[in-house]
């Protein structure tokens, strides 16, 4: 991909290509100067987080075809803003994090220990 690093220090892994995620819509939580929101945390959506986001004014459920946005469902993986994820964590509704697909820049806003606490456990 490129030299982007994950919060674990290794190469940044893909978050999702179905649906296609990332600020650059390339499947990874890569970021750059244009990404004002810092879409750096790869999560697996939960209904609780989708409901929370909607209450905060960020509708992640409704499709927006003109932006190739399919709308998200529980179980989908998506790159979310680090600050929004932290707000959700503080509200008790943080979705699980995929650490090797979460960009190291997220550590500017969120402690690694918090991300690890909410890490998606895979069999």
PDB file of N, CA and C in Angstrom:
ATOM      1  N   UNK A   1       0.853  -1.187   0.000  1.00  0.00           N
ATOM      2  CA  UNK A   1       0.000   0.000   0.000  1.00  0.00           C
ATOM      3  C   UNK A   1       0.887   1.234   0.000  1.00  0.00           C
ATOM      4  N   UNK A   2       1.417   1.643   1.121  1.00  0.00           N
ATOM      5  CA  UNK A   2       2.362   2.745   1.246  1.00  0.00           C
ATOM      6  C   UNK A   2       3.060   2.566   2.579  1.00  0.00           C
ATOM      7  N   UNK A   3       3.676   3.605   3.089  1.00  0.00           N
ATOM      8  CA  UNK A   3       4.393   3.447   4.348  1.00  0.00           C
ATOM      9  C   UNK A   3       3.564   3.829   5.571  1.00  0.00           C
ATOM     10  N   UNK A   4       2.239   3.915   5.435  1.00  0.00           N
ATOM     11  CA  UNK A   4       1.374   4.228   6.569  1.00  0.00           C
ATOM     12  C   UNK A   4       1.506   3.135   7.624  1.00  0.00           C
ATOM     13  N   UNK A   5       1.499   3.540   8.896  1.00  0.00           N
ATOM     14  CA  UNK A   5       1.667   2.609  10.009  1.00  0.00           C
ATOM     15  C   UNK A   5       0.392   2.541  10.839  1.00  0.00           C
ATOM     16  N   UNK A   6       0.187   1.380  11.439  1.00  0.00           N
ATOM     17  CA  UNK A   6      -0.950   1.192  12.335  1.00  0.00           C
ATOM     18  C   UNK A   6      -0.561   1.606  13.752  1.00  0.00           C
ATOM     19  N   UNK A   7      -1.541   1.624  14.633  1.00  0.00           N
ATOM     20  CA  UNK A   7      -1.275   1.950  16.032  1.00  0.00           C
ATOM     21  C   UNK A   7      -0.388   0.902  16.689  1.00  0.00           C
ATOM     22  N   UNK A   8      -0.259  -0.267  16.076  1.00  0.00           N
ATOM     23  CA  UNK A   8       0.601  -1.327  16.602  1.00  0.00           C
ATOM     24  C   UNK A   8       2.024  -1.210  16.079  1.00  0.00           C
ATOM     25  N   UNK A   9       2.247  -0.267  15.149  1.00  0.00           N
ATOM     26  CA  UNK A   9       3.582  -0.030  14.616  1.00  0.00           C
ATOM     27  C   UNK A   9       3.886  -0.726  13.306  1.00  0.00           C
ATOM     28  N   UNK A  10       3.063  -1.655  12.908  1.00  0.00           N
ATOM     29  CA  UNK A  10       3.271  -2.360  11.647  1.00  0.00           C
ATOM     30  C   UNK A  10       2.608  -1.646  10.494  1.00  0.00           C
ATOM     31  N   UNK A  11       2.719  -2.221   9.290  1.00  0.00           N
ATOM     32  CA  UNK A  11       2.063  -1.622   8.128  1.00  0.00           C
ATOM     33  C   UNK A  11       0.548  -1.549   8.339  1.00  0.00           C
ATOM     34  N   UNK A  12      -0.039  -0.457   7.902  1.00  0.00           N
ATOM     35  CA  UNK A  12      -1.484  -0.273   8.007  1.00  0.00           C
ATOM     36  C   UNK A  12      -2.190  -1.285   7.115  1.00  0.00           C
ATOM     37  N   UNK A  13      -3.114  -2.042   7.693  1.00  0.00           N
ATOM     38  CA  UNK A  13      -3.873  -3.044   6.952  1.00  0.00           C
ATOM     39  C   UNK A  13      -5.173  -2.442   6.431  1.00  0.00           C
ATOM     40  N   UNK A  14      -5.792  -3.146   5.500  1.00  0.00           N
ATOM     41  CA  UNK A  14      -7.074  -2.713   4.954  1.00  0.00           C
ATOM     42  C   UNK A  14      -8.141  -2.775   6.043  1.00  0.00           C
ATOM     43  N   UNK A  15      -9.071  -1.850   5.995  1.00  0.00           N
ATOM     44  CA  UNK A  15     -10.201  -1.839   6.918  1.00  0.00           C
ATOM     45  C   UNK A  15     -11.398  -2.518   6.252  1.00  0.00           C
ATOM     46  N   UNK A  16     -11.799  -2.018   5.066  1.00  0.00           N
ATOM     47  CA  UNK A  16     -12.933  -2.624   4.359  1.00  0.00           C
ATOM     48  C   UNK A  16     -12.978  -2.152   2.913  1.00  0.00           C
ATOM     49  N   UNK A  17     -13.285  -3.082   2.042  1.00  0.00           N
ATOM     50  CA  UNK A  17     -13.551  -2.736   0.642  1.00  0.00           C
ATOM     51  C   UNK A  17     -15.006  -3.010   0.292  1.00  0.00           C
ATOM     52  N   UNK A  18     -15.761  -3.611   1.219  1.00  0.00           N
ATOM     53  CA  UNK A  18     -17.184  -3.865   1.000  1.00  0.00           C
ATOM     54  C   UNK A  18     -17.906  -3.663   2.327  1.00  0.00           C
ATOM     55  N   UNK A  19     -18.356  -2.443   2.639  1.00  0.00           N
ATOM     56  CA  UNK A  19     -18.316  -1.251   1.791  1.00  0.00           C
ATOM     57  C   UNK A  19     -16.921  -0.621   1.750  1.00  0.00           C
ATOM     58  N   UNK A  20     -16.666   0.098   0.674  1.00  0.00           N
ATOM     59  CA  UNK A  20     -15.386   0.781   0.496  1.00  0.00           C
ATOM     60  C   UNK A  20     -15.299   1.946   1.473  1.00  0.00           C
ATOM     61  N   UNK A  21     -14.266   1.936   2.297  1.00  0.00           N
ATOM     62  CA  UNK A  21     -14.132   2.939   3.345  1.00  0.00           C
ATOM     63  C   UNK A  21     -12.855   3.743   3.176  1.00  0.00           C
ATOM     64  N   UNK A  22     -12.619   4.609   4.119  1.00  0.00           N
ATOM     65  CA  UNK A  22     -11.431   5.448   4.148  1.00  0.00           C
ATOM     66  C   UNK A  22     -11.713   6.827   3.608  1.00  0.00           C
ATOM     67  N   UNK A  23     -11.021   7.794   4.152  1.00  0.00           N
ATOM     68  CA  UNK A  23     -11.166   9.165   3.666  1.00  0.00           C
ATOM     69  C   UNK A  23     -10.895   9.232   2.169  1.00  0.00           C
ATOM     70  N   UNK A  24      -9.943   8.422   1.715  1.00  0.00           N
ATOM     71  CA  UNK A  24      -9.597   8.387   0.290  1.00  0.00           C
ATOM     72  C   UNK A  24     -10.413   7.350  -0.476  1.00  0.00           C
ATOM     73  N   UNK A  25     -11.320   6.678   0.205  1.00  0.00           N
ATOM     74  CA  UNK A  25     -12.142   5.606  -0.360  1.00  0.00           C
ATOM     75  C   UNK A  25     -11.269   4.578  -1.094  1.00  0.00           C
ATOM     76  N   UNK A  26     -10.235   4.128  -0.367  1.00  0.00           N
ATOM     77  CA  UNK A  26      -9.342   3.107  -0.913  1.00  0.00           C
ATOM     78  C   UNK A  26      -9.322   1.860  -0.041  1.00  0.00           C
ATOM     79  N   UNK A  27     -10.205   1.794   0.956  1.00  0.00           N
ATOM     80  CA  UNK A  27     -10.310   0.626   1.809  1.00  0.00           C
ATOM     81  C   UNK A  27      -9.482   0.690   3.076  1.00  0.00           C
ATOM     82  N   UNK A  28      -8.630   1.701   3.209  1.00  0.00           N
ATOM     83  CA  UNK A  28      -7.754   1.827   4.375  1.00  0.00           C
ATOM     84  C   UNK A  28      -8.012   3.149   5.091  1.00  0.00           C
ATOM     85  N   UNK A  29      -7.654   3.194   6.357  1.00  0.00           N
ATOM     86  CA  UNK A  29      -7.843   4.405   7.164  1.00  0.00           C
ATOM     87  C   UNK A  29      -6.639   5.331   7.033  1.00  0.00           C
ATOM     88  N   UNK A  30      -6.154   5.473   5.790  1.00  0.00           N
ATOM     89  CA  UNK A  30      -5.060   6.418   5.543  1.00  0.00           C
ATOM     90  C   UNK A  30      -5.603   7.836   5.690  1.00  0.00           C
ATOM     91  N   UNK A  31      -4.708   8.759   5.930  1.00  0.00           N
ATOM     92  CA  UNK A  31      -5.133  10.127   6.196  1.00  0.00           C
ATOM     93  C   UNK A  31      -4.130  11.102   5.599  1.00  0.00           C
ATOM     94  N   UNK A  32      -4.488  12.339   5.596  1.00  0.00           N
ATOM     95  CA  UNK A  32      -3.610  13.380   5.086  1.00  0.00           C
ATOM     96  C   UNK A  32      -4.132  14.733   5.517  1.00  0.00           C
ATOM     97  N   UNK A  33      -3.504  15.808   5.032  1.00  0.00           N
ATOM     98  CA  UNK A  33      -3.887  17.154   5.473  1.00  0.00           C
ATOM     99  C   UNK A  33      -5.336  17.525   5.151  1.00  0.00           C
ATOM    100  N   UNK A  34      -5.906  16.948   4.115  1.00  0.00           N
ATOM    101  CA  UNK A  34      -7.286  17.284   3.745  1.00  0.00           C
ATOM    102  C   UNK A  34      -8.308  16.605   4.659  1.00  0.00           C
ATOM    103  N   UNK A  35      -7.883  15.588   5.391  1.00  0.00           N
ATOM    104  CA  UNK A  35      -8.776  14.827   6.269  1.00  0.00           C
ATOM    105  C   UNK A  35      -8.920  15.557   7.601  1.00  0.00           C
ATOM    106  N   UNK A  36      -9.723  16.594   7.607  1.00  0.00           N
ATOM    107  CA  UNK A  36      -9.898  17.440   8.786  1.00  0.00           C
ATOM    108  C   UNK A  36     -10.430  16.630   9.973  1.00  0.00           C
ATOM    109  N   UNK A  37     -11.343  15.693   9.717  1.00  0.00           N
ATOM    110  CA  UNK A  37     -11.935  14.904  10.796  1.00  0.00           C
ATOM    111  C   UNK A  37     -11.038  13.817  11.346  1.00  0.00           C
ATOM    112  N   UNK A  38      -9.998  13.445  10.624  1.00  0.00           N
ATOM    113  CA  UNK A  38      -9.113  12.383  11.092  1.00  0.00           C
ATOM    114  C   UNK A  38      -9.779  11.021  11.098  1.00  0.00           C
ATOM    115  N   UNK A  39     -10.219  10.553   9.933  1.00  0.00           N
ATOM    116  CA  UNK A  39     -10.893   9.256   9.792  1.00  0.00           C
ATOM    117  C   UNK A  39      -9.866   8.130   9.896  1.00  0.00           C
ATOM    118  N   UNK A  40      -9.380   7.883  11.099  1.00  0.00           N
ATOM    119  CA  UNK A  40      -8.222   7.021  11.290  1.00  0.00           C
ATOM    120  C   UNK A  40      -8.486   5.747  12.083  1.00  0.00           C
ATOM    121  N   UNK A  41      -9.663   5.607  12.668  1.00  0.00           N
ATOM    122  CA  UNK A  41      -9.957   4.439  13.510  1.00  0.00           C
ATOM    123  C   UNK A  41     -10.840   3.464  12.747  1.00  0.00           C
ATOM    124  N   UNK A  42     -10.323   2.262  12.517  1.00  0.00           N
ATOM    125  CA  UNK A  42     -11.089   1.215  11.839  1.00  0.00           C
ATOM    126  C   UNK A  42     -11.926   0.485  12.881  1.00  0.00           C
ATOM    127  N   UNK A  43     -13.238   0.486  12.668  1.00  0.00           N
ATOM    128  CA  UNK A  43     -14.153  -0.148  13.621  1.00  0.00           C
ATOM    129  C   UNK A  43     -15.086  -1.111  12.901  1.00  0.00           C
ATOM    130  N   UNK A  44     -15.682  -1.971  13.709  1.00  0.00           N
ATOM    131  CA  UNK A  44     -16.780  -2.802  13.229  1.00  0.00           C
ATOM    132  C   UNK A  44     -18.057  -2.207  13.809  1.00  0.00           C
ATOM    133  N   UNK A  45     -18.945  -1.792  12.942  1.00  0.00           N
ATOM    134  CA  UNK A  45     -20.150  -1.087  13.358  1.00  0.00           C
ATOM    135  C   UNK A  45     -21.020  -1.926  14.280  1.00  0.00           C
ATOM    136  N   UNK A  46     -21.616  -1.233  15.242  1.00  0.00           N
ATOM    137  CA  UNK A  46     -22.637  -1.813  16.113  1.00  0.00           C
ATOM    138  C   UNK A  46     -23.887  -0.946  16.005  1.00  0.00           C
ATOM    139  N   UNK A  47     -25.024  -1.510  16.335  1.00  0.00           N
ATOM    140  CA  UNK A  47     -26.251  -0.727  16.307  1.00  0.00           C
ATOM    141  C   UNK A  47     -26.169   0.424  17.302  1.00  0.00           C
ATOM    142  N   UNK A  48     -25.568   0.171  18.459  1.00  0.00           N
ATOM    143  CA  UNK A  48     -25.453   1.218  19.481  1.00  0.00           C
ATOM    144  C   UNK A  48     -24.649   2.408  18.954  1.00  0.00           C
ATOM    145  N   UNK A  49     -23.555   2.155  18.231  1.00  0.00           N
ATOM    146  CA  UNK A  49     -22.751   3.249  17.694  1.00  0.00           C
ATOM    147  C   UNK A  49     -23.490   3.963  16.564  1.00  0.00           C
ATOM    148  N   UNK A  50     -24.166   3.207  15.701  1.00  0.00           N
ATOM    149  CA  UNK A  50     -24.929   3.841  14.615  1.00  0.00           C
ATOM    150  C   UNK A  50     -26.016   4.740  15.178  1.00  0.00           C
ATOM    151  N   UNK A  51     -26.715   4.275  16.214  1.00  0.00           N
ATOM    152  CA  UNK A  51     -27.744   5.093  16.863  1.00  0.00           C
ATOM    153  C   UNK A  51     -27.132   6.328  17.512  1.00  0.00           C
ATOM    154  N   UNK A  52     -26.004   6.156  18.188  1.00  0.00           N
ATOM    155  CA  UNK A  52     -25.308   7.276  18.835  1.00  0.00           C
ATOM    156  C   UNK A  52     -24.899   8.317  17.787  1.00  0.00           C
ATOM    157  N   UNK A  53     -24.312   7.852  16.687  1.00  0.00           N
ATOM    158  CA  UNK A  53     -23.868   8.778  15.636  1.00  0.00           C
ATOM    159  C   UNK A  53     -25.045   9.562  15.072  1.00  0.00           C
ATOM    160  N   UNK A  54     -26.158   8.884  14.874  1.00  0.00           N
ATOM    161  CA  UNK A  54     -27.348   9.562  14.358  1.00  0.00           C
ATOM    162  C   UNK A  54     -27.813  10.644  15.335  1.00  0.00           C
ATOM    163  N   UNK A  55     -27.806  10.326  16.620  1.00  0.00           N
ATOM    164  CA  UNK A  55     -28.196  11.332  17.631  1.00  0.00           C
ATOM    165  C   UNK A  55     -27.236  12.521  17.652  1.00  0.00           C
ATOM    166  N   UNK A  56     -25.979  12.293  17.254  1.00  0.00           N
ATOM    167  CA  UNK A  56     -24.990  13.366  17.217  1.00  0.00           C
ATOM    168  C   UNK A  56     -25.044  14.140  15.893  1.00  0.00           C
ATOM    169  N   UNK A  57     -25.937  13.754  14.992  1.00  0.00           N
ATOM    170  CA  UNK A  57     -26.086  14.455  13.724  1.00  0.00           C
ATOM    171  C   UNK A  57     -25.273  13.865  12.586  1.00  0.00           C
ATOM    172  N   UNK A  58     -24.730  12.667  12.774  1.00  0.00           N
ATOM    173  CA  UNK A  58     -23.938  12.014  11.736  1.00  0.00           C
ATOM    174  C   UNK A  58     -24.648  10.722  11.327  1.00  0.00           C
ATOM    175  N   UNK A  59     -25.465  10.816  10.284  1.00  0.00           N
ATOM    176  CA  UNK A  59     -26.254   9.683   9.805  1.00  0.00           C
ATOM    177  C   UNK A  59     -25.372   8.755   8.979  1.00  0.00           C
ATOM    178  N   UNK A  60     -25.013   7.624   9.556  1.00  0.00           N
ATOM    179  CA  UNK A  60     -24.188   6.636   8.862  1.00  0.00           C
ATOM    180  C   UNK A  60     -25.029   5.503   8.276  1.00  0.00           C
ATOM    181  N   UNK A  61     -26.344   5.572   8.435  1.00  0.00           N
ATOM    182  CA  UNK A  61     -27.221   4.491   8.018  1.00  0.00           C
ATOM    183  C   UNK A  61     -27.847   4.750   6.648  1.00  0.00           C
ATOM    184  N   UNK A  62     -28.220   5.977   6.378  1.00  0.00           N
ATOM    185  CA  UNK A  62     -28.926   6.301   5.145  1.00  0.00           C
ATOM    186  C   UNK A  62     -27.973   6.352   3.953  1.00  0.00           C
ATOM    187  N   UNK A  63     -28.258   5.579   2.901  1.00  0.00           N
ATOM    188  CA  UNK A  63     -27.409   5.636   1.701  1.00  0.00           C
ATOM    189  C   UNK A  63     -27.414   7.031   1.073  1.00  0.00           C
ATOM    190  N   UNK A  64     -26.255   7.431   0.541  1.00  0.00           N
ATOM    191  CA  UNK A  64     -26.116   8.684  -0.187  1.00  0.00           C
ATOM    192  C   UNK A  64     -25.424   8.339  -1.506  1.00  0.00           C
ATOM    193  N   UNK A  65     -26.209   7.951  -2.521  1.00  0.00           N
ATOM    194  CA  UNK A  65     -25.635   7.463  -3.777  1.00  0.00           C
ATOM    195  C   UNK A  65     -24.704   8.448  -4.467  1.00  0.00           C
ATOM    196  N   UNK A  66     -24.985   9.741  -4.359  1.00  0.00           N
ATOM    197  CA  UNK A  66     -24.144  10.725  -5.054  1.00  0.00           C
ATOM    198  C   UNK A  66     -22.720  10.760  -4.507  1.00  0.00           C
ATOM    199  N   UNK A  67     -22.527  10.210  -3.299  1.00  0.00           N
ATOM    200  CA  UNK A  67     -21.187  10.102  -2.720  1.00  0.00           C
ATOM    201  C   UNK A  67     -20.719   8.645  -2.639  1.00  0.00           C
ATOM    202  N   UNK A  68     -21.408   7.776  -3.366  1.00  0.00           N
ATOM    203  CA  UNK A  68     -21.094   6.340  -3.333  1.00  0.00           C
ATOM    204  C   UNK A  68     -21.086   5.800  -1.907  1.00  0.00           C
ATOM    205  N   UNK A  69     -21.986   6.312  -1.082  1.00  0.00           N
ATOM    206  CA  UNK A  69     -22.092   5.852   0.301  1.00  0.00           C
ATOM    207  C   UNK A  69     -23.309   4.939   0.418  1.00  0.00           C
ATOM    208  N   UNK A  70     -23.071   3.660   0.742  1.00  0.00           N
ATOM    209  CA  UNK A  70     -24.165   2.693   0.745  1.00  0.00           C
ATOM    210  C   UNK A  70     -25.035   2.706   1.991  1.00  0.00           C
ATOM    211  N   UNK A  71     -24.618   3.429   3.026  1.00  0.00           N
ATOM    212  CA  UNK A  71     -25.270   3.310   4.325  1.00  0.00           C
ATOM    213  C   UNK A  71     -24.671   2.105   5.035  1.00  0.00           C
ATOM    214  N   UNK A  72     -24.508   2.213   6.338  1.00  0.00           N
ATOM    215  CA  UNK A  72     -23.834   1.160   7.088  1.00  0.00           C
ATOM    216  C   UNK A  72     -24.813   0.369   7.941  1.00  0.00           C
ATOM    217  N   UNK A  73     -24.420  -0.866   8.218  1.00  0.00           N
ATOM    218  CA  UNK A  73     -25.193  -1.770   9.049  1.00  0.00           C
ATOM    219  C   UNK A  73     -24.269  -2.355  10.114  1.00  0.00           C
ATOM    220  N   UNK A  74     -24.846  -2.847  11.203  1.00  0.00           N
ATOM    221  CA  UNK A  74     -24.014  -3.528  12.190  1.00  0.00           C
ATOM    222  C   UNK A  74     -23.193  -4.631  11.504  1.00  0.00           C
ATOM    223  N   UNK A  75     -21.927  -4.712  11.887  1.00  0.00           N
ATOM    224  CA  UNK A  75     -21.032  -5.702  11.288  1.00  0.00           C
ATOM    225  C   UNK A  75     -20.144  -5.130  10.205  1.00  0.00           C
ATOM    226  N   UNK A  76     -20.570  -4.027   9.563  1.00  0.00           N
ATOM    227  CA  UNK A  76     -19.731  -3.379   8.547  1.00  0.00           C
ATOM    228  C   UNK A  76     -18.505  -2.779   9.228  1.00  0.00           C
ATOM    229  N   UNK A  77     -17.402  -2.774   8.505  1.00  0.00           N
ATOM    230  CA  UNK A  77     -16.202  -2.093   8.985  1.00  0.00           C
ATOM    231  C   UNK A  77     -16.095  -0.744   8.291  1.00  0.00           C
ATOM    232  N   UNK A  78     -15.603   0.255   9.050  1.00  0.00           N
ATOM    233  CA  UNK A  78     -15.588   1.631   8.533  1.00  0.00           C
ATOM    234  C   UNK A  78     -14.536   2.440   9.268  1.00  0.00           C
ATOM    235  N   UNK A  79     -13.925   3.381   8.585  1.00  0.00           N
ATOM    236  CA  UNK A  79     -12.970   4.304   9.205  1.00  0.00           C
ATOM    237  C   UNK A  79     -13.744   5.477   9.793  1.00  0.00           C
ATOM    238  N   UNK A  80     -13.640   5.651  11.090  1.00  0.00           N
ATOM    239  CA  UNK A  80     -14.350   6.743  11.756  1.00  0.00           C
ATOM    240  C   UNK A  80     -13.349   7.753  12.315  1.00  0.00           C
ATOM    241  N   UNK A  81     -13.847   8.937  12.586  1.00  0.00           N
ATOM    242  CA  UNK A  81     -13.015   9.996  13.161  1.00  0.00           C
ATOM    243  C   UNK A  81     -12.589   9.606  14.575  1.00  0.00           C
ATOM    244  N   UNK A  82     -11.324   9.830  14.882  1.00  0.00           N
ATOM    245  CA  UNK A  82     -10.788   9.462  16.188  1.00  0.00           C
ATOM    246  C   UNK A  82     -11.538  10.164  17.320  1.00  0.00           C
ATOM    247  N   UNK A  83     -11.836  11.439  17.152  1.00  0.00           N
ATOM    248  CA  UNK A  83     -12.540  12.184  18.207  1.00  0.00           C
ATOM    249  C   UNK A  83     -13.957  11.648  18.379  1.00  0.00           C
ATOM    250  N   UNK A  84     -14.624  11.312  17.284  1.00  0.00           N
ATOM    251  CA  UNK A  84     -15.985  10.754  17.388  1.00  0.00           C
ATOM    252  C   UNK A  84     -15.943   9.406  18.100  1.00  0.00           C
ATOM    253  N   UNK A  85     -14.924   8.591  17.785  1.00  0.00           N
ATOM    254  CA  UNK A  85     -14.798   7.298  18.459  1.00  0.00           C
ATOM    255  C   UNK A  85     -14.586   7.516  19.967  1.00  0.00           C
ATOM    256  N   UNK A  86     -13.731   8.457  20.315  1.00  0.00           N
ATOM    257  CA  UNK A  86     -13.462   8.746  21.724  1.00  0.00           C
ATOM    258  C   UNK A  86     -14.729   9.232  22.425  1.00  0.00           C
ATOM    259  N   UNK A  87     -15.495  10.099  21.783  1.00  0.00           N
ATOM    260  CA  UNK A  87     -16.769  10.550  22.353  1.00  0.00           C
ATOM    261  C   UNK A  87     -17.686   9.362  22.619  1.00  0.00           C
ATOM    262  N   UNK A  88     -17.752   8.440  21.654  1.00  0.00           N
ATOM    263  CA  UNK A  88     -18.595   7.253  21.799  1.00  0.00           C
ATOM    264  C   UNK A  88     -18.094   6.371  22.946  1.00  0.00           C
ATOM    265  N   UNK A  89     -16.780   6.251  23.068  1.00  0.00           N
ATOM    266  CA  UNK A  89     -16.212   5.458  24.164  1.00  0.00           C
ATOM    267  C   UNK A  89     -16.616   6.059  25.505  1.00  0.00           C
ATOM    268  N   UNK A  90     -16.536   7.358  25.607  1.00  0.00           N
ATOM    269  CA  UNK A  90     -16.900   8.034  26.856  1.00  0.00           C
ATOM    270  C   UNK A  90     -18.393   7.895  27.151  1.00  0.00           C
ATOM    271  N   UNK A  91     -19.205   7.714  26.095  1.00  0.00           N
ATOM    272  CA  UNK A  91     -20.651   7.515  26.247  1.00  0.00           C
ATOM    273  C   UNK A  91     -21.000   6.038  26.441  1.00  0.00           C
ATOM    274  N   UNK A  92     -19.996   5.163  26.386  1.00  0.00           N
ATOM    275  CA  UNK A  92     -20.229   3.744  26.604  1.00  0.00           C
ATOM    276  C   UNK A  92     -20.710   2.973  25.391  1.00  0.00           C
ATOM    277  N   UNK A  93     -20.535   3.543  24.187  1.00  0.00           N
ATOM    278  CA  UNK A  93     -21.032   2.882  22.970  1.00  0.00           C
ATOM    279  C   UNK A  93     -19.952   2.757  21.885  1.00  0.00           C
ATOM    280  N   UNK A  94     -18.697   2.708  22.293  1.00  0.00           N
ATOM    281  CA  UNK A  94     -17.612   2.601  21.308  1.00  0.00           C
ATOM    282  C   UNK A  94     -17.713   1.276  20.560  1.00  0.00           C
ATOM    283  N   UNK A  95     -17.633   1.314  19.234  1.00  0.00           N
ATOM    284  CA  UNK A  95     -17.612   0.060  18.485  1.00  0.00           C
ATOM    285  C   UNK A  95     -16.228  -0.586  18.585  1.00  0.00           C
ATOM    286  N   UNK A  96     -16.146  -1.894  18.377  1.00  0.00           N
ATOM    287  CA  UNK A  96     -14.854  -2.577  18.440  1.00  0.00           C
ATOM    288  C   UNK A  96     -13.886  -2.058  17.383  1.00  0.00           C
ATOM    289  N   UNK A  97     -12.612  -2.014  17.762  1.00  0.00           N
ATOM    290  CA  UNK A  97     -11.545  -1.459  16.929  1.00  0.00           C
ATOM    291  C   UNK A  97     -10.728  -2.586  16.304  1.00  0.00           C
ATOM    292  N   UNK A  98     -10.362  -2.414  15.038  1.00  0.00           N
ATOM    293  CA  UNK A  98      -9.440  -3.314  14.364  1.00  0.00           C
ATOM    294  C   UNK A  98      -8.082  -2.612  14.412  1.00  0.00           C
ATOM    295  N   UNK A  99      -7.236  -3.031  15.346  1.00  0.00           N
ATOM    296  CA  UNK A  99      -6.004  -2.310  15.654  1.00  0.00           C
ATOM    297  C   UNK A  99      -5.035  -2.225  14.486  1.00  0.00           C
ATOM    298  N   UNK A 100      -4.826  -3.312  13.749  1.00  0.00           N
ATOM    299  CA  UNK A 100      -3.828  -3.271  12.675  1.00  0.00           C
ATOM    300  C   UNK A 100      -4.305  -2.489  11.454  1.00  0.00           C
ATOM    301  N   UNK A 101      -5.586  -2.098  11.463  1.00  0.00           N
ATOM    302  CA  UNK A 101      -6.126  -1.265  10.386  1.00  0.00           C
ATOM    303  C   UNK A 101      -6.422   0.159  10.856  1.00  0.00           C
ATOM    304  N   UNK A 102      -6.042   0.479  12.094  1.00  0.00           N
ATOM    305  CA  UNK A 102      -6.220   1.827  12.651  1.00  0.00           C
ATOM    306  C   UNK A 102      -4.914   2.593  12.502  1.00  0.00           C
ATOM    307  N   UNK A 103      -4.989   3.739  11.858  1.00  0.00           N
ATOM    308  CA  UNK A 103      -3.805   4.550  11.540  1.00  0.00           C
ATOM    309  C   UNK A 103      -3.161   5.101  12.812  1.00  0.00           C
ATOM    310  N   UNK A 104      -1.842   5.137  12.835  1.00  0.00           N
ATOM    311  CA  UNK A 104      -1.089   5.635  13.987  1.00  0.00           C
ATOM    312  C   UNK A 104      -1.470   7.067  14.348  1.00  0.00           C
ATOM    313  N   UNK A 105      -1.947   7.854  13.393  1.00  0.00           N
ATOM    314  CA  UNK A 105      -2.347   9.236  13.688  1.00  0.00           C
ATOM    315  C   UNK A 105      -3.483   9.292  14.713  1.00  0.00           C
ATOM    316  N   UNK A 106      -4.248   8.209  14.852  1.00  0.00           N
ATOM    317  CA  UNK A 106      -5.318   8.177  15.850  1.00  0.00           C
ATOM    318  C   UNK A 106      -4.766   8.396  17.253  1.00  0.00           C
ATOM    319  N   UNK A 107      -3.504   8.028  17.457  1.00  0.00           N
ATOM    320  CA  UNK A 107      -2.889   8.169  18.786  1.00  0.00           C
ATOM    321  C   UNK A 107      -2.688   9.625  19.196  1.00  0.00           C
ATOM    322  N   UNK A 108      -2.870  10.548  18.265  1.00  0.00           N
ATOM    323  CA  UNK A 108      -2.827  11.966  18.611  1.00  0.00           C
ATOM    324  C   UNK A 108      -4.067  12.382  19.398  1.00  0.00           C
ATOM    325  N   UNK A 109      -5.136  11.585  19.293  1.00  0.00           N
ATOM    326  CA  UNK A 109      -6.407  11.918  19.951  1.00  0.00           C
ATOM    327  C   UNK A 109      -6.854  10.869  20.966  1.00  0.00           C
ATOM    328  N   UNK A 110      -6.411   9.619  20.777  1.00  0.00           N
ATOM    329  CA  UNK A 110      -6.904   8.507  21.581  1.00  0.00           C
ATOM    330  C   UNK A 110      -5.713   7.718  22.131  1.00  0.00           C
ATOM    331  N   UNK A 111      -5.784   7.334  23.378  1.00  0.00           N
ATOM    332  CA  UNK A 111      -4.722   6.531  23.982  1.00  0.00           C
ATOM    333  C   UNK A 111      -4.752   5.103  23.437  1.00  0.00           C
ATOM    334  N   UNK A 112      -3.580   4.553  23.211  1.00  0.00           N
ATOM    335  CA  UNK A 112      -3.482   3.181  22.729  1.00  0.00           C
ATOM    336  C   UNK A 112      -4.204   2.219  23.672  1.00  0.00           C
ATOM    337  N   UNK A 113      -4.089   2.440  24.952  1.00  0.00           N
ATOM    338  CA  UNK A 113      -4.747   1.560  25.925  1.00  0.00           C
ATOM    339  C   UNK A 113      -6.263   1.538  25.732  1.00  0.00           C
ATOM    340  N   UNK A 114      -6.855   2.685  25.387  1.00  0.00           N
ATOM    341  CA  UNK A 114      -8.301   2.735  25.143  1.00  0.00           C
ATOM    342  C   UNK A 114      -8.658   1.944  23.892  1.00  0.00           C
ATOM    343  N   UNK A 115      -7.861   2.101  22.848  1.00  0.00           N
ATOM    344  CA  UNK A 115      -8.112   1.341  21.613  1.00  0.00           C
ATOM    345  C   UNK A 115      -7.959  -0.154  21.879  1.00  0.00           C
ATOM    346  N   UNK A 116      -6.932  -0.533  22.622  1.00  0.00           N
ATOM    347  CA  UNK A 116      -6.703  -1.946  22.928  1.00  0.00           C
ATOM    348  C   UNK A 116      -7.845  -2.520  23.767  1.00  0.00           C
ATOM    349  N   UNK A 117      -8.339  -1.735  24.698  1.00  0.00           N
ATOM    350  CA  UNK A 117      -9.455  -2.188  25.540  1.00  0.00           C
ATOM    351  C   UNK A 117     -10.672  -2.536  24.691  1.00  0.00           C
ATOM    352  N   UNK A 118     -10.866  -1.794  23.611  1.00  0.00           N
ATOM    353  CA  UNK A 118     -12.018  -1.982  22.724  1.00  0.00           C
ATOM    354  C   UNK A 118     -11.663  -2.762  21.460  1.00  0.00           C
ATOM    355  N   UNK A 119     -10.517  -3.429  21.464  1.00  0.00           N
ATOM    356  CA  UNK A 119     -10.091  -4.168  20.267  1.00  0.00           C
ATOM    357  C   UNK A 119     -11.040  -5.301  19.952  1.00  0.00           C
ATOM    358  N   UNK A 120     -11.299  -5.489  18.667  1.00  0.00           N
ATOM    359  CA  UNK A 120     -12.109  -6.598  18.198  1.00  0.00           C
ATOM    360  C   UNK A 120     -11.343  -7.886  18.447  1.00  0.00           C
ATOM    361  N   UNK A 121     -11.956  -8.783  19.150  1.00  0.00           N
ATOM    362  CA  UNK A 121     -11.332 -10.072  19.413  1.00  0.00           C
ATOM    363  C   UNK A 121     -11.712 -11.025  18.287  1.00  0.00           C
ATOM    364  N   UNK A 122     -10.717 -11.547  17.617  1.00  0.00           N
ATOM    365  CA  UNK A 122     -10.979 -12.484  16.520  1.00  0.00           C
ATOM    366  C   UNK A 122     -10.558 -13.883  16.938  1.00  0.00           C
ATOM    367  N   UNK A 123     -11.309 -14.873  16.486  1.00  0.00           N
ATOM    368  CA  UNK A 123     -10.992 -16.256  16.870  1.00  0.00           C
ATOM    369  C   UNK A 123      -9.666 -16.718  16.321  1.00  0.00           C
TER     370      UNK A 123
END
